[in-house]
Amino acid sequence: MASSPTRRRADSSRKPAWLKRSLPAGPAYEAVRRMTRLSGVNTVCREARCPNIWECFGRRTATFLLMGPSCSRHCRFCAVKKGSLQPLDSDEPRRVAETVQRMGLRHAVITSVTRDDLPDGGARHIAETILRIRELLSETTVEILIPDFRGEPEAIQTVVAAKPHVIGHNMETVRRLFPMVRPEGNYDLSLTVLKTIKKEMPGIIAKSGFMLGLGEKKEEVEEMLLDLRHCNCDVVTIGQYLQPDRCNAPVHRFVDPEEFNDWERLASVMGFRNSVCGPLVRSSYRAEEMYENISSIIT
């Protein structure tokens, strides 16, 4: 395993070669960009400034962002806008489902901002979107990435009852750094969310993800992986943290690709059904391939 991170913060303006990507271009990219804008739907690809947007749009796929584009929380790693919350758009589930249909997606990935201002955190809105997709496209599989809903079991149950094929909830960082990176969240609460998902539907694929480069130590990452396995989490994604703006948490180090390979091997040894680890990996990266690889062995 690669050594623990150094204490000196990395110069985030000087990214190593393995983090450099081409600018988005090409007819497929432009088609998806235009389609999502005309449909009036948000994507985490655009709102969170995902470095893989050119690749995903170029493959005619995207991750949809519900209840946005503004979030009620102030996580220090995230590029999504804060504040200026708007009432939920009751027509959004239909528009997302129809966009999924127009894009011809076989595997639809949906996430959302956190909406602590809503009584159920937006759980019914998320469930309605899942149901709309299933009604319109019975063969399309659905993956949903949910907020913590402040740990409310009924909200989690509402989403599970809509029967998505994959439910994810991201840890984002290790226990020690959690208060700094996700000040309005709670490490143990996030673990409880994952436990509740598997309790409500043991056969569902449960997924989580986190970032490296925030100042975590090797043993802390190992502890978090063990915590996830104790929650019966099936899939883990690990990527490099990249500072979206100066107001966000700084990058402490850029993790060498070989270290990501080490973490992927360890995740396999620990019993995860699948793991995707790499500098540019995000929770929805190559999600369809992941689902196809493990869906047949989840019972």
Protein backbone atom coordinates (compact mmCIF):
# COMPACT_ATOMS: atom_id res chain seq x y z
CA MET A 1 0.00 0.00 0.00
CA ALA A 2 1.26 3.47 -0.78
CA SER A 3 2.49 5.66 2.06
CA SER A 4 0.28 7.96 4.14
CA PRO A 5 -0.30 11.51 2.87
CA THR A 6 2.24 14.20 3.58
CA ARG A 7 1.23 17.09 5.80
CA ARG A 8 1.97 19.75 3.23
CA ARG A 9 -0.99 20.76 1.11
CA ALA A 10 -0.80 20.12 -2.61
CA ASP A 11 -0.76 22.94 -5.13
CA SER A 12 -4.17 22.27 -6.70
CA SER A 13 -3.31 24.52 -9.64
CA ARG A 14 -0.58 22.09 -10.71
CA LYS A 15 -2.37 18.86 -11.37
CA PRO A 16 -0.35 15.79 -12.30
CA ALA A 17 -0.60 14.40 -15.80
CA TRP A 18 -3.05 11.64 -14.86
CA LEU A 19 -5.66 14.24 -13.86
CA LYS A 20 -5.61 16.20 -17.09
CA ARG A 21 -8.57 15.68 -19.41
CA SER A 22 -9.46 16.95 -22.84
CA LEU A 23 -12.02 19.71 -23.16
CA PRO A 24 -15.55 18.50 -23.98
CA ALA A 25 -16.27 18.32 -27.67
CA GLY A 26 -17.97 16.27 -30.36
CA PRO A 27 -21.52 15.74 -31.64
CA ALA A 28 -22.56 13.30 -28.90
CA TYR A 29 -21.41 15.66 -26.15
CA GLU A 30 -23.24 18.57 -27.76
CA ALA A 31 -26.39 16.50 -28.26
CA VAL A 32 -26.60 15.51 -24.57
CA ARG A 33 -25.75 19.02 -23.39
CA ARG A 34 -28.47 20.49 -25.61
CA MET A 35 -31.01 17.81 -24.71
CA THR A 36 -30.63 18.30 -20.95
CA ARG A 37 -30.85 22.07 -21.24
CA LEU A 38 -33.93 22.02 -23.46
CA SER A 39 -35.61 19.52 -21.13
CA GLY A 40 -35.01 21.80 -18.17
CA VAL A 41 -33.31 19.07 -16.13
CA ASN A 42 -30.16 19.47 -14.06
CA THR A 43 -27.19 17.12 -14.17
CA VAL A 44 -24.59 16.60 -11.48
CA CYS A 45 -22.11 16.42 -14.37
CA ARG A 46 -22.59 20.13 -14.97
CA GLU A 47 -23.64 21.49 -11.58
CA ALA A 48 -20.85 19.69 -9.67
CA ARG A 49 -18.24 20.36 -12.39
CA CYS A 50 -17.47 16.68 -12.86
CA PRO A 51 -14.14 16.11 -14.66
CA ASN A 52 -15.67 13.23 -16.62
CA ILE A 53 -18.42 15.26 -18.26
CA TRP A 54 -16.81 15.08 -21.69
CA GLU A 55 -16.53 11.29 -21.50
CA CYS A 56 -20.01 10.63 -20.09
CA PHE A 57 -21.82 13.07 -22.37
CA GLY A 58 -19.72 11.69 -25.22
CA ARG A 59 -21.09 8.22 -24.45
CA ARG A 60 -24.60 9.72 -24.42
CA THR A 61 -25.12 9.28 -20.67
CA ALA A 62 -25.53 11.63 -17.74
CA THR A 63 -26.37 11.68 -14.03
CA PHE A 64 -29.51 13.67 -13.29
CA LEU A 65 -29.70 16.04 -10.31
CA LEU A 66 -33.12 16.34 -8.66
CA MET A 67 -34.51 19.17 -6.53
CA GLY A 68 -31.66 21.46 -7.55
CA PRO A 69 -29.59 23.19 -8.61
CA SER A 70 -29.13 24.63 -5.08
CA CYS A 71 -28.45 22.65 -1.89
CA SER A 72 -29.46 23.37 1.70
CA ARG A 73 -26.12 22.21 3.08
CA HIS A 74 -22.62 23.67 2.90
CA CYS A 75 -20.29 20.72 2.36
CA ARG A 76 -16.76 21.98 1.84
CA PHE A 77 -15.93 19.59 -1.01
CA CYS A 78 -18.91 20.28 -3.27
CA ALA A 79 -19.32 22.65 -6.22
CA VAL A 80 -23.14 22.60 -6.21
CA LYS A 81 -24.61 26.01 -5.39
CA LYS A 82 -25.77 26.75 -1.84
CA GLY A 83 -28.91 28.59 -0.75
CA SER A 84 -31.69 30.19 -2.85
CA LEU A 85 -33.86 27.10 -2.47
CA GLN A 86 -36.90 26.88 -4.72
CA PRO A 87 -40.17 24.97 -4.23
CA LEU A 88 -40.10 21.49 -5.71
CA ASP A 89 -41.06 21.28 -9.37
CA SER A 90 -43.83 18.67 -9.49
CA ASP A 91 -43.21 18.20 -13.23
CA GLU A 92 -39.53 17.34 -12.80
CA PRO A 93 -40.05 13.55 -12.43
CA ARG A 94 -41.87 13.46 -15.79
CA ARG A 95 -39.23 15.56 -17.55
CA VAL A 96 -36.41 13.41 -16.20
CA ALA A 97 -38.15 10.20 -17.25
CA GLU A 98 -38.79 11.53 -20.75
CA THR A 99 -35.18 12.70 -21.06
CA VAL A 100 -34.01 9.23 -20.05
CA GLN A 101 -36.24 7.86 -22.80
CA ARG A 102 -34.97 10.30 -25.44
CA MET A 103 -31.37 9.50 -24.52
CA GLY A 104 -32.08 5.78 -24.84
CA LEU A 105 -30.53 4.99 -21.46
CA ARG A 106 -30.50 1.37 -20.34
CA HIS A 107 -29.28 2.39 -16.87
CA ALA A 108 -30.49 5.71 -15.45
CA VAL A 109 -28.49 7.30 -12.63
CA ILE A 110 -30.26 9.85 -10.45
CA THR A 111 -28.95 11.91 -7.55
CA SER A 112 -30.19 14.98 -5.72
CA VAL A 113 -29.19 17.95 -3.67
CA THR A 114 -29.93 17.78 0.06
CA ARG A 115 -33.16 19.57 1.00
CA ASP A 116 -33.36 19.83 4.78
CA ASP A 117 -36.10 22.44 4.32
CA LEU A 118 -38.56 19.76 3.17
CA PRO A 119 -40.41 17.63 5.76
CA ASP A 120 -39.35 14.36 4.13
CA GLY A 121 -36.12 15.68 2.62
CA GLY A 122 -37.62 15.21 -0.84
CA ALA A 123 -37.98 11.42 -0.52
CA ARG A 124 -41.41 11.32 -2.19
CA HIS A 125 -40.13 13.44 -5.07
CA ILE A 126 -37.21 11.05 -5.60
CA ALA A 127 -39.52 8.03 -5.41
CA GLU A 128 -41.90 9.61 -7.94
CA THR A 129 -39.02 10.06 -10.38
CA ILE A 130 -38.03 6.41 -10.04
CA LEU A 131 -41.63 5.31 -10.62
CA ARG A 132 -42.02 7.56 -13.67
CA ILE A 133 -38.91 6.04 -15.26
CA ARG A 134 -40.09 2.51 -14.50
CA GLU A 135 -43.55 3.22 -15.97
CA LEU A 136 -42.10 4.68 -19.16
CA LEU A 137 -39.14 2.31 -19.55
CA SER A 138 -39.75 -1.05 -17.92
CA GLU A 139 -36.41 -2.47 -19.09
CA THR A 140 -34.29 0.45 -17.89
CA THR A 141 -32.52 -0.10 -14.58
CA VAL A 142 -32.46 2.76 -12.08
CA GLU A 143 -29.68 3.78 -9.73
CA ILE A 144 -30.32 6.44 -7.10
CA LEU A 145 -27.83 8.29 -4.90
CA ILE A 146 -29.63 9.68 -1.84
CA PRO A 147 -28.83 12.24 0.86
CA ASP A 148 -28.93 11.17 4.51
CA PHE A 149 -32.52 12.42 5.09
CA ARG A 150 -31.28 13.20 8.63
CA GLY A 151 -31.52 9.48 9.26
CA GLU A 152 -35.34 9.42 9.09
CA PRO A 153 -36.26 5.75 8.43
CA GLU A 154 -39.57 6.65 6.78
CA ALA A 155 -37.83 8.79 4.15
CA ILE A 156 -35.38 6.01 3.34
CA GLN A 157 -38.24 3.50 3.22
CA THR A 158 -40.11 5.74 0.76
CA VAL A 159 -37.23 5.60 -1.72
CA VAL A 160 -36.62 1.87 -1.20
CA ALA A 161 -40.33 1.16 -1.81
CA ALA A 162 -39.99 2.61 -5.31
CA LYS A 163 -37.65 -0.34 -6.00
CA PRO A 164 -34.62 1.16 -7.70
CA HIS A 165 -32.01 -1.41 -8.65
CA VAL A 166 -29.15 0.37 -6.86
CA ILE A 167 -29.24 2.76 -3.89
CA GLY A 168 -26.13 4.69 -2.96
CA HIS A 169 -25.23 7.03 -0.15
CA ASN A 170 -21.73 8.49 -0.15
CA MET A 171 -19.54 8.77 2.92
CA GLU A 172 -17.21 11.21 1.10
CA THR A 173 -14.43 11.13 3.72
CA VAL A 174 -13.08 9.43 6.85
CA ARG A 175 -14.48 9.84 10.36
CA ARG A 176 -11.88 12.37 11.58
CA LEU A 177 -12.35 14.70 8.62
CA PHE A 178 -16.13 14.35 8.41
CA PRO A 179 -16.97 17.41 10.59
CA MET A 180 -14.76 19.59 8.39
CA VAL A 181 -15.83 18.20 5.01
CA ARG A 182 -19.52 17.61 5.79
CA PRO A 183 -20.23 19.91 8.77
CA GLU A 184 -24.00 19.39 8.67
CA GLY A 185 -23.72 15.62 8.35
CA ASN A 186 -22.61 12.84 10.69
CA TYR A 187 -20.36 9.87 9.98
CA ASP A 188 -22.37 7.35 12.02
CA LEU A 189 -25.64 8.69 10.65
CA SER A 190 -24.44 8.02 7.11
CA LEU A 191 -23.54 4.46 8.10
CA THR A 192 -27.04 4.09 9.55
CA VAL A 193 -28.52 5.14 6.20
CA LEU A 194 -26.67 2.29 4.48
CA LYS A 195 -27.71 -0.18 7.19
CA THR A 196 -31.34 0.85 6.80
CA ILE A 197 -31.22 0.40 3.03
CA LYS A 198 -30.05 -3.21 3.37
CA LYS A 199 -32.48 -3.89 6.21
CA GLU A 200 -35.44 -2.70 4.14
CA MET A 201 -34.40 -4.59 1.00
CA PRO A 202 -31.56 -7.09 1.59
CA GLY A 203 -31.30 -7.98 -2.09
CA ILE A 204 -30.74 -4.44 -3.34
CA ILE A 205 -27.28 -3.29 -4.41
CA ALA A 206 -26.03 -0.81 -1.80
CA LYS A 207 -23.26 1.52 -2.87
CA SER A 208 -21.08 4.20 -1.30
CA GLY A 209 -18.16 6.37 -2.34
CA PHE A 210 -15.50 8.64 -0.93
CA MET A 211 -12.56 10.81 -1.91
CA LEU A 212 -8.84 10.71 -1.19
CA GLY A 213 -6.60 13.74 -0.95
CA LEU A 214 -8.31 15.62 1.89
CA GLY A 215 -5.68 14.73 4.50
CA GLU A 216 -6.83 11.23 5.45
CA LYS A 217 -4.45 8.56 6.75
CA LYS A 218 -4.11 5.02 5.43
CA GLU A 219 -5.49 3.43 8.60
CA GLU A 220 -8.48 5.78 8.53
CA VAL A 221 -9.38 4.71 5.01
CA GLU A 222 -9.09 1.06 6.02
CA GLU A 223 -11.37 1.72 8.99
CA MET A 224 -13.99 3.31 6.76
CA LEU A 225 -13.90 0.39 4.32
CA LEU A 226 -14.45 -1.99 7.23
CA ASP A 227 -17.34 0.17 8.48
CA LEU A 228 -18.94 0.00 5.03
CA ARG A 229 -18.60 -3.77 4.90
CA HIS A 230 -20.19 -4.06 8.35
CA CYS A 231 -23.18 -2.24 6.83
CA ASN A 232 -23.29 -4.86 4.05
CA CYS A 233 -22.35 -2.25 1.46
CA ASP A 234 -21.87 -4.07 -1.86
CA VAL A 235 -20.01 -1.53 -3.98
CA VAL A 236 -17.49 1.20 -3.22
CA THR A 237 -16.07 3.93 -5.43
CA ILE A 238 -12.91 5.85 -4.54
CA GLY A 239 -11.66 8.92 -6.39
CA GLN A 240 -9.35 11.91 -6.08
CA TYR A 241 -10.68 15.03 -4.39
CA LEU A 242 -10.33 18.08 -6.62
CA GLN A 243 -10.92 21.54 -5.17
CA PRO A 244 -13.80 23.14 -7.15
CA ASP A 245 -13.12 26.69 -5.93
CA ARG A 246 -11.02 28.64 -3.44
CA CYS A 247 -13.85 28.59 -0.91
CA ASN A 248 -13.78 24.79 -0.84
CA ALA A 249 -11.47 22.59 1.21
CA PRO A 250 -7.89 22.48 -0.13
CA VAL A 251 -6.29 19.45 -1.75
CA HIS A 252 -3.69 17.97 0.61
CA ARG A 253 -2.18 15.62 -1.95
CA PHE A 254 -2.66 14.07 -5.36
CA VAL A 255 -2.90 10.31 -5.02
CA ASP A 256 -0.82 8.20 -7.40
CA PRO A 257 -2.87 5.85 -9.64
CA GLU A 258 -1.03 2.83 -8.24
CA GLU A 259 -2.37 3.59 -4.77
CA PHE A 260 -5.89 3.50 -6.16
CA ASN A 261 -5.08 0.05 -7.53
CA ASP A 262 -3.99 -0.97 -4.03
CA TRP A 263 -7.29 0.20 -2.55
CA GLU A 264 -9.23 -1.66 -5.22
CA ARG A 265 -7.38 -4.88 -4.38
CA LEU A 266 -8.02 -4.37 -0.66
CA ALA A 267 -11.73 -3.75 -1.26
CA SER A 268 -11.92 -7.06 -3.10
CA VAL A 269 -10.18 -8.87 -0.23
CA MET A 270 -12.61 -7.29 2.24
CA GLY A 271 -15.55 -8.75 0.34
CA PHE A 272 -17.01 -5.88 -1.66
CA ARG A 273 -18.91 -7.20 -4.67
CA ASN A 274 -17.26 -4.56 -6.82
CA SER A 275 -15.04 -1.53 -6.43
CA VAL A 276 -14.07 1.20 -8.85
CA CYS A 277 -11.03 3.18 -7.77
CA GLY A 278 -9.04 5.77 -9.71
CA PRO A 279 -8.09 9.44 -9.79
CA LEU A 280 -11.10 10.53 -11.84
CA VAL A 281 -13.62 8.03 -10.48
CA ARG A 282 -16.88 9.48 -9.18
CA SER A 283 -19.81 7.61 -7.64
CA SER A 284 -21.72 7.39 -10.92
CA TYR A 285 -18.70 6.72 -13.15
CA ARG A 286 -19.33 3.75 -15.48
CA ALA A 287 -22.35 2.89 -13.31
CA GLU A 288 -24.02 0.76 -15.98
CA GLU A 289 -20.95 -1.45 -16.35
CA MET A 290 -20.78 -1.90 -12.59
CA TYR A 291 -24.42 -2.91 -12.42
CA GLU A 292 -24.06 -5.42 -15.25
CA ASN A 293 -20.98 -6.93 -13.60
CA ILE A 294 -22.60 -7.71 -10.26
CA SER A 295 -26.38 -7.79 -10.66
CA SER A 296 -26.39 -11.49 -11.46
CA ILE A 297 -24.69 -12.43 -8.20
CA ILE A 298 -26.80 -10.28 -5.84
CA THR A 299 -29.60 -12.36 -4.35
